[in-house]
Amino acid sequence: MTQGALEITDDYTGHIEDQQVAQRRTTPVATIVKMSVGPMDNNAYLVTSTATGATLLIDAANEADRLQALLSATDAKPDLIFTTHQHPDHWLALADVKAATGAPTWAGRHDDDGIPVDSDHVVDDGEIVTVGDLQLTAIHLKGHTPGSIALALDDGTRTHIFTGDSLFPGGVGKTQNADHFASLIDDVSTKLFDRFGDDTAIYPGHGDDTTLGAQRPHLPEWRERGW
């Protein structure tokens, strides 16, 4: 590839070292493309239905031009842009991408006021986010922000959960105080670990992917350390 061009590889590892290389995973119902953008290495995810081509963009985080290049490279037009939470590094490109694509924007009800691009729809816990034939379940995880939303996609063989900054390899997301931590660790425990199996794939807002099985043994340790 030429310098500065975007490459998409089908060798999916969930670990991105080069921001010029996006990774594509193929599941029974959709492809998932992961790309890192911006100085904070935010992950943006493009979820495209295999059957219909309908596409969901999760977190138009930064570098609108590169997100547009990703859409062009995958021949996709987003039917929906979902913002996982209100922190600016997750919506810096939202206004530009919405203006360029005309796609509606959704976000969690309790974070909506913190996102400067008006949401076309606010999402509550347990709501089904429908994109073409894909149905993703919204899971409200309170603590990193008041209204963080994870999205869970069941492909018929395993579940894929896009957790924003609520769950990472090695722990839950950053919280401001002990009460916020208690809320987040409780929500992550009951709404993710108690509900989904060990093979559930976790796609966080920064850094590497993981699985619930890889993280499950560490829950008591996280509670004990308080972060």
C-alpha atoms as a PDB file:
ATOM      1  CA  MET A   1       0.000   0.000   0.000  1.00  0.00           C
ATOM      2  CA  THR A   2       1.074   3.582  -0.467  1.00  0.00           C
ATOM      3  CA  GLN A   3       2.066   5.748   2.498  1.00  0.00           C
ATOM      4  CA  GLY A   4      -1.021   7.092   4.250  1.00  0.00           C
ATOM      5  CA  ALA A   5      -3.457   4.715   2.517  1.00  0.00           C
ATOM      6  CA  LEU A   6      -5.852   2.587   4.512  1.00  0.00           C
ATOM      7  CA  GLU A   7      -5.428  -1.160   4.375  1.00  0.00           C
ATOM      8  CA  ILE A   8      -8.058  -3.633   5.553  1.00  0.00           C
ATOM      9  CA  THR A   9      -6.792  -7.036   6.573  1.00  0.00           C
ATOM     10  CA  ASP A  10      -8.867 -10.149   7.188  1.00  0.00           C
ATOM     11  CA  ASP A  11      -6.255 -11.399   9.640  1.00  0.00           C
ATOM     12  CA  TYR A  12      -8.288 -10.352  12.674  1.00  0.00           C
ATOM     13  CA  THR A  13      -6.458 -10.298  16.001  1.00  0.00           C
ATOM     14  CA  GLY A  14      -8.180  -7.405  17.784  1.00  0.00           C
ATOM     15  CA  HIS A  15      -4.755  -5.833  18.393  1.00  0.00           C
ATOM     16  CA  ILE A  16      -3.946  -2.839  16.196  1.00  0.00           C
ATOM     17  CA  GLU A  17      -0.387  -1.569  16.036  1.00  0.00           C
ATOM     18  CA  ASP A  18      -0.657   0.513  12.861  1.00  0.00           C
ATOM     19  CA  GLN A  19      -3.504   3.012  12.565  1.00  0.00           C
ATOM     20  CA  GLN A  20      -3.292   2.690   8.783  1.00  0.00           C
ATOM     21  CA  VAL A  21      -4.382  -0.953   8.998  1.00  0.00           C
ATOM     22  CA  ALA A  22      -7.967  -1.837   9.892  1.00  0.00           C
ATOM     23  CA  GLN A  23      -8.944  -5.396  10.754  1.00  0.00           C
ATOM     24  CA  ARG A  24     -12.036  -7.246   9.549  1.00  0.00           C
ATOM     25  CA  ARG A  25     -13.676 -10.198  11.304  1.00  0.00           C
ATOM     26  CA  THR A  26     -16.315 -12.267   9.526  1.00  0.00           C
ATOM     27  CA  THR A  27     -19.129 -13.732  11.621  1.00  0.00           C
ATOM     28  CA  PRO A  28     -22.145 -15.774  10.520  1.00  0.00           C
ATOM     29  CA  VAL A  29     -24.326 -12.654  10.293  1.00  0.00           C
ATOM     30  CA  ALA A  30     -22.007  -9.667   9.872  1.00  0.00           C
ATOM     31  CA  THR A  31     -18.536  -8.377   9.289  1.00  0.00           C
ATOM     32  CA  ILE A  32     -16.887  -6.329  12.033  1.00  0.00           C
ATOM     33  CA  VAL A  33     -14.178  -3.873  11.009  1.00  0.00           C
ATOM     34  CA  LYS A  34     -12.033  -2.331  13.745  1.00  0.00           C
ATOM     35  CA  MET A  35      -9.948   0.783  13.208  1.00  0.00           C
ATOM     36  CA  SER A  36      -7.943   2.956  15.604  1.00  0.00           C
ATOM     37  CA  VAL A  37      -8.257   6.732  15.235  1.00  0.00           C
ATOM     38  CA  GLY A  38      -6.864   9.824  16.906  1.00  0.00           C
ATOM     39  CA  PRO A  39      -4.135  10.489  19.473  1.00  0.00           C
ATOM     40  CA  MET A  40      -5.900   8.449  22.151  1.00  0.00           C
ATOM     41  CA  ASP A  41      -6.133   5.365  19.903  1.00  0.00           C
ATOM     42  CA  ASN A  42      -9.886   5.208  20.012  1.00  0.00           C
ATOM     43  CA  ASN A  43     -11.486   2.205  18.406  1.00  0.00           C
ATOM     44  CA  ALA A  44     -14.193   2.781  15.809  1.00  0.00           C
ATOM     45  CA  TYR A  45     -16.200  -0.234  14.687  1.00  0.00           C
ATOM     46  CA  LEU A  46     -18.099  -0.817  11.469  1.00  0.00           C
ATOM     47  CA  VAL A  47     -20.668  -3.622  11.732  1.00  0.00           C
ATOM     48  CA  THR A  48     -22.169  -4.622   8.387  1.00  0.00           C
ATOM     49  CA  SER A  49     -24.918  -7.152   7.798  1.00  0.00           C
ATOM     50  CA  THR A  50     -23.855  -9.967   5.511  1.00  0.00           C
ATOM     51  CA  ALA A  51     -27.411 -10.417   4.237  1.00  0.00           C
ATOM     52  CA  THR A  52     -28.474  -6.824   3.614  1.00  0.00           C
ATOM     53  CA  GLY A  53     -25.362  -4.632   3.724  1.00  0.00           C
ATOM     54  CA  ALA A  54     -26.926  -2.442   6.401  1.00  0.00           C
ATOM     55  CA  THR A  55     -24.149  -0.851   8.430  1.00  0.00           C
ATOM     56  CA  LEU A  56     -23.695   0.418  11.968  1.00  0.00           C
ATOM     57  CA  LEU A  57     -20.818   2.740  12.891  1.00  0.00           C
ATOM     58  CA  ILE A  58     -19.964   2.583  16.589  1.00  0.00           C
ATOM     59  CA  ASP A  59     -18.157   5.710  17.856  1.00  0.00           C
ATOM     60  CA  ALA A  60     -17.256   8.310  15.239  1.00  0.00           C
ATOM     61  CA  ALA A  61     -14.424   9.086  17.585  1.00  0.00           C
ATOM     62  CA  ASN A  62     -11.926  11.161  15.613  1.00  0.00           C
ATOM     63  CA  GLU A  63     -10.423  11.768  12.159  1.00  0.00           C
ATOM     64  CA  ALA A  64     -13.581  12.054  10.100  1.00  0.00           C
ATOM     65  CA  ASP A  65     -11.556  11.830   6.888  1.00  0.00           C
ATOM     66  CA  ARG A  66     -10.184   8.423   7.882  1.00  0.00           C
ATOM     67  CA  LEU A  67     -13.614   7.186   8.890  1.00  0.00           C
ATOM     68  CA  GLN A  68     -14.865   8.301   5.478  1.00  0.00           C
ATOM     69  CA  ALA A  69     -11.955   6.430   3.890  1.00  0.00           C
ATOM     70  CA  LEU A  70     -12.995   3.329   5.807  1.00  0.00           C
ATOM     71  CA  LEU A  71     -16.550   3.649   4.569  1.00  0.00           C
ATOM     72  CA  SER A  72     -15.300   4.042   1.015  1.00  0.00           C
ATOM     73  CA  ALA A  73     -12.927   1.095   1.312  1.00  0.00           C
ATOM     74  CA  THR A  74     -15.723  -1.152   2.551  1.00  0.00           C
ATOM     75  CA  ASP A  75     -18.281   0.290   0.113  1.00  0.00           C
ATOM     76  CA  ALA A  76     -20.515   1.025   3.085  1.00  0.00           C
ATOM     77  CA  LYS A  77     -22.871   3.842   3.997  1.00  0.00           C
ATOM     78  CA  PRO A  78     -23.826   3.889   7.669  1.00  0.00           C
ATOM     79  CA  ASP A  79     -27.504   3.399   8.396  1.00  0.00           C
ATOM     80  CA  LEU A  80     -26.884   4.386  12.008  1.00  0.00           C
ATOM     81  CA  ILE A  81     -24.092   5.994  14.056  1.00  0.00           C
ATOM     82  CA  PHE A  82     -24.056   4.965  17.702  1.00  0.00           C
ATOM     83  CA  THR A  83     -22.062   6.838  20.363  1.00  0.00           C
ATOM     84  CA  THR A  84     -21.241   4.647  23.350  1.00  0.00           C
ATOM     85  CA  HIS A  85     -20.845   7.509  25.827  1.00  0.00           C
ATOM     86  CA  GLN A  86     -20.430  11.244  26.256  1.00  0.00           C
ATOM     87  CA  HIS A  87     -16.650  11.643  26.577  1.00  0.00           C
ATOM     88  CA  PRO A  88     -15.334  13.881  23.770  1.00  0.00           C
ATOM     89  CA  ASP A  89     -12.758  11.430  22.444  1.00  0.00           C
ATOM     90  CA  HIS A  90     -15.670   9.219  21.347  1.00  0.00           C
ATOM     91  CA  TRP A  91     -17.594  11.836  19.328  1.00  0.00           C
ATOM     92  CA  LEU A  92     -15.041  14.297  17.929  1.00  0.00           C
ATOM     93  CA  ALA A  93     -15.788  13.220  14.344  1.00  0.00           C
ATOM     94  CA  LEU A  94     -19.530  12.717  14.861  1.00  0.00           C
ATOM     95  CA  ALA A  95     -20.737  16.022  13.445  1.00  0.00           C
ATOM     96  CA  ASP A  96     -18.627  15.715  10.294  1.00  0.00           C
ATOM     97  CA  VAL A  97     -19.503  12.079   9.638  1.00  0.00           C
ATOM     98  CA  LYS A  98     -23.198  12.725  10.201  1.00  0.00           C
ATOM     99  CA  ALA A  99     -23.101  15.720   7.854  1.00  0.00           C
ATOM    100  CA  ALA A 100     -21.305  13.697   5.172  1.00  0.00           C
ATOM    101  CA  THR A 101     -23.484  10.588   5.386  1.00  0.00           C
ATOM    102  CA  GLY A 102     -26.848  11.802   6.641  1.00  0.00           C
ATOM    103  CA  ALA A 103     -26.956   8.854   9.029  1.00  0.00           C
ATOM    104  CA  PRO A 104     -29.080   9.157  12.164  1.00  0.00           C
ATOM    105  CA  THR A 105     -27.231   9.305  15.473  1.00  0.00           C
ATOM    106  CA  TRP A 106     -28.195   7.391  18.618  1.00  0.00           C
ATOM    107  CA  ALA A 107     -26.829   7.465  22.166  1.00  0.00           C
ATOM    108  CA  GLY A 108     -27.769   6.459  25.689  1.00  0.00           C
ATOM    109  CA  ARG A 109     -30.506   8.523  27.313  1.00  0.00           C
ATOM    110  CA  HIS A 110     -28.451   9.555  30.345  1.00  0.00           C
ATOM    111  CA  ASP A 111     -25.431  10.697  28.306  1.00  0.00           C
ATOM    112  CA  ASP A 112     -27.300  12.473  25.548  1.00  0.00           C
ATOM    113  CA  ASP A 113     -26.953  15.950  27.057  1.00  0.00           C
ATOM    114  CA  GLY A 114     -23.162  15.564  27.094  1.00  0.00           C
ATOM    115  CA  ILE A 115     -22.921  14.947  23.348  1.00  0.00           C
ATOM    116  CA  PRO A 116     -23.009  18.173  21.289  1.00  0.00           C
ATOM    117  CA  VAL A 117     -24.525  16.495  18.225  1.00  0.00           C
ATOM    118  CA  ASP A 118     -28.244  16.069  18.824  1.00  0.00           C
ATOM    119  CA  SER A 119     -29.241  12.428  18.949  1.00  0.00           C
ATOM    120  CA  ASP A 120     -32.055  11.370  16.657  1.00  0.00           C
ATOM    121  CA  HIS A 121     -32.978   8.753  19.239  1.00  0.00           C
ATOM    122  CA  VAL A 122     -31.999   8.098  22.849  1.00  0.00           C
ATOM    123  CA  VAL A 123     -31.599   4.514  23.985  1.00  0.00           C
ATOM    124  CA  ASP A 124     -32.634   2.822  27.205  1.00  0.00           C
ATOM    125  CA  ASP A 125     -31.380  -0.337  28.874  1.00  0.00           C
ATOM    126  CA  GLY A 126     -32.608  -3.462  27.116  1.00  0.00           C
ATOM    127  CA  GLU A 127     -33.706  -1.658  23.965  1.00  0.00           C
ATOM    128  CA  ILE A 128     -33.106  -3.426  20.649  1.00  0.00           C
ATOM    129  CA  VAL A 129     -31.041  -1.452  18.152  1.00  0.00           C
ATOM    130  CA  THR A 130     -32.070  -2.675  14.708  1.00  0.00           C
ATOM    131  CA  VAL A 131     -29.811  -2.163  11.701  1.00  0.00           C
ATOM    132  CA  GLY A 132     -31.143  -4.001   8.669  1.00  0.00           C
ATOM    133  CA  ASP A 133     -31.599  -7.579   9.830  1.00  0.00           C
ATOM    134  CA  LEU A 134     -29.142  -7.137  12.713  1.00  0.00           C
ATOM    135  CA  GLN A 135     -30.476  -6.720  16.228  1.00  0.00           C
ATOM    136  CA  LEU A 136     -28.174  -5.474  18.955  1.00  0.00           C
ATOM    137  CA  THR A 137     -29.237  -5.274  22.592  1.00  0.00           C
ATOM    138  CA  ALA A 138     -28.451  -2.042  24.443  1.00  0.00           C
ATOM    139  CA  ILE A 139     -26.956  -2.594  27.897  1.00  0.00           C
ATOM    140  CA  HIS A 140     -26.760   0.397  30.239  1.00  0.00           C
ATOM    141  CA  LEU A 141     -23.558   0.313  32.301  1.00  0.00           C
ATOM    142  CA  LYS A 142     -23.477   3.175  34.802  1.00  0.00           C
ATOM    143  CA  GLY A 143     -20.225   4.364  36.319  1.00  0.00           C
ATOM    144  CA  HIS A 144     -17.682   5.447  33.715  1.00  0.00           C
ATOM    145  CA  THR A 145     -20.361   7.928  32.682  1.00  0.00           C
ATOM    146  CA  PRO A 146     -24.013   8.121  33.756  1.00  0.00           C
ATOM    147  CA  GLY A 147     -25.327   6.754  30.473  1.00  0.00           C
ATOM    148  CA  SER A 148     -22.702   4.484  28.897  1.00  0.00           C
ATOM    149  CA  ILE A 149     -24.243   1.883  26.598  1.00  0.00           C
ATOM    150  CA  ALA A 150     -22.746  -1.419  25.468  1.00  0.00           C
ATOM    151  CA  LEU A 151     -24.197  -3.131  22.404  1.00  0.00           C
ATOM    152  CA  ALA A 152     -24.504  -6.928  22.241  1.00  0.00           C
ATOM    153  CA  LEU A 153     -24.819  -8.793  18.926  1.00  0.00           C
ATOM    154  CA  ASP A 154     -25.670 -12.505  18.908  1.00  0.00           C
ATOM    155  CA  ASP A 155     -24.436 -14.111  15.688  1.00  0.00           C
ATOM    156  CA  GLY A 156     -26.041 -17.479  16.404  1.00  0.00           C
ATOM    157  CA  THR A 157     -22.799 -19.050  17.610  1.00  0.00           C
ATOM    158  CA  ARG A 158     -21.365 -16.448  19.998  1.00  0.00           C
ATOM    159  CA  THR A 159     -22.049 -12.970  21.319  1.00  0.00           C
ATOM    160  CA  HIS A 160     -20.073  -9.850  20.408  1.00  0.00           C
ATOM    161  CA  ILE A 161     -20.260  -6.922  22.837  1.00  0.00           C
ATOM    162  CA  PHE A 162     -19.040  -3.401  22.084  1.00  0.00           C
ATOM    163  CA  THR A 163     -18.356  -2.037  25.561  1.00  0.00           C
ATOM    164  CA  GLY A 164     -17.158   1.524  24.995  1.00  0.00           C
ATOM    165  CA  ASP A 165     -14.997   2.451  27.988  1.00  0.00           C
ATOM    166  CA  SER A 166     -16.897   0.321  30.520  1.00  0.00           C
ATOM    167  CA  LEU A 167     -14.877  -2.903  30.193  1.00  0.00           C
ATOM    168  CA  PHE A 168     -11.323  -3.546  28.987  1.00  0.00           C
ATOM    169  CA  PRO A 169      -8.770  -6.333  29.269  1.00  0.00           C
ATOM    170  CA  GLY A 170      -7.638  -5.935  32.863  1.00  0.00           C
ATOM    171  CA  GLY A 171     -10.554  -4.096  34.371  1.00  0.00           C
ATOM    172  CA  VAL A 172     -13.529  -1.797  34.142  1.00  0.00           C
ATOM    173  CA  GLY A 173     -13.300   1.746  32.849  1.00  0.00           C
ATOM    174  CA  LYS A 174     -12.037   4.694  34.840  1.00  0.00           C
ATOM    175  CA  THR A 175     -14.400   6.081  37.469  1.00  0.00           C
ATOM    176  CA  GLN A 176     -14.316   9.283  39.508  1.00  0.00           C
ATOM    177  CA  ASN A 177     -15.063   7.913  42.960  1.00  0.00           C
ATOM    178  CA  ALA A 178     -15.850   4.784  44.958  1.00  0.00           C
ATOM    179  CA  ASP A 179     -19.597   5.037  44.373  1.00  0.00           C
ATOM    180  CA  HIS A 180     -19.150   5.250  40.617  1.00  0.00           C
ATOM    181  CA  PHE A 181     -16.766   2.283  40.703  1.00  0.00           C
ATOM    182  CA  ALA A 182     -19.234   0.235  42.747  1.00  0.00           C
ATOM    183  CA  SER A 183     -21.974   1.026  40.242  1.00  0.00           C
ATOM    184  CA  LEU A 184     -19.841   0.062  37.257  1.00  0.00           C
ATOM    185  CA  ILE A 185     -18.387  -3.153  38.685  1.00  0.00           C
ATOM    186  CA  ASP A 186     -21.881  -4.230  39.778  1.00  0.00           C
ATOM    187  CA  ASP A 187     -23.379  -3.491  36.361  1.00  0.00           C
ATOM    188  CA  VAL A 188     -20.552  -5.205  34.493  1.00  0.00           C
ATOM    189  CA  SER A 189     -20.823  -8.234  36.782  1.00  0.00           C
ATOM    190  CA  THR A 190     -24.593  -8.668  36.616  1.00  0.00           C
ATOM    191  CA  LYS A 191     -25.335  -7.433  33.093  1.00  0.00           C
ATOM    192  CA  LEU A 192     -22.318  -8.916  31.284  1.00  0.00           C
ATOM    193  CA  PHE A 193     -20.487 -11.647  33.228  1.00  0.00           C
ATOM    194  CA  ASP A 194     -23.617 -13.184  34.807  1.00  0.00           C
ATOM    195  CA  ARG A 195     -25.526 -13.092  31.531  1.00  0.00           C
ATOM    196  CA  PHE A 196     -23.120 -14.115  28.780  1.00  0.00           C
ATOM    197  CA  GLY A 197     -20.772 -17.050  28.237  1.00  0.00           C
ATOM    198  CA  ASP A 198     -16.993 -17.213  28.362  1.00  0.00           C
ATOM    199  CA  ASP A 199     -16.590 -17.117  24.578  1.00  0.00           C
ATOM    200  CA  THR A 200     -18.304 -13.712  24.378  1.00  0.00           C
ATOM    201  CA  ALA A 201     -16.060 -11.343  22.437  1.00  0.00           C
ATOM    202  CA  ILE A 202     -15.441  -7.924  23.985  1.00  0.00           C
ATOM    203  CA  TYR A 203     -14.645  -4.941  21.768  1.00  0.00           C
ATOM    204  CA  PRO A 204     -13.579  -1.975  23.939  1.00  0.00           C
ATOM    205  CA  GLY A 205     -13.305   1.711  23.146  1.00  0.00           C
ATOM    206  CA  HIS A 206      -9.493   1.640  23.252  1.00  0.00           C
ATOM    207  CA  GLY A 207      -6.900  -1.076  22.890  1.00  0.00           C
ATOM    208  CA  ASP A 208      -7.170  -4.819  22.462  1.00  0.00           C
ATOM    209  CA  ASP A 209     -10.180  -7.082  22.315  1.00  0.00           C
ATOM    210  CA  THR A 210     -10.729  -9.758  24.930  1.00  0.00           C
ATOM    211  CA  THR A 211     -13.322 -12.317  26.004  1.00  0.00           C
ATOM    212  CA  LEU A 212     -15.452 -12.585  29.104  1.00  0.00           C
ATOM    213  CA  GLY A 213     -13.775 -15.902  29.861  1.00  0.00           C
ATOM    214  CA  ALA A 214     -10.323 -14.325  29.904  1.00  0.00           C
ATOM    215  CA  GLN A 215     -11.448 -11.613  32.316  1.00  0.00           C
ATOM    216  CA  ARG A 216     -13.893 -13.518  34.534  1.00  0.00           C
ATOM    217  CA  PRO A 217     -11.292 -14.925  36.987  1.00  0.00           C
ATOM    218  CA  HIS A 218     -10.115 -11.389  37.769  1.00  0.00           C
ATOM    219  CA  LEU A 219     -13.441  -9.925  38.925  1.00  0.00           C
ATOM    220  CA  PRO A 220     -12.699 -10.455  42.657  1.00  0.00           C
ATOM    221  CA  GLU A 221      -9.288  -8.829  42.183  1.00  0.00           C
ATOM    222  CA  TRP A 222     -10.864  -5.785  40.534  1.00  0.00           C
ATOM    223  CA  ARG A 223     -13.340  -5.403  43.368  1.00  0.00           C
ATOM    224  CA  GLU A 224     -10.601  -5.685  45.938  1.00  0.00           C
ATOM    225  CA  ARG A 225      -8.359  -3.067  44.375  1.00  0.00           C
ATOM    226  CA  GLY A 226     -11.261  -0.677  43.746  1.00  0.00           C
ATOM    227  CA  TRP A 227     -10.522   0.172  40.122  1.00  0.00           C
END
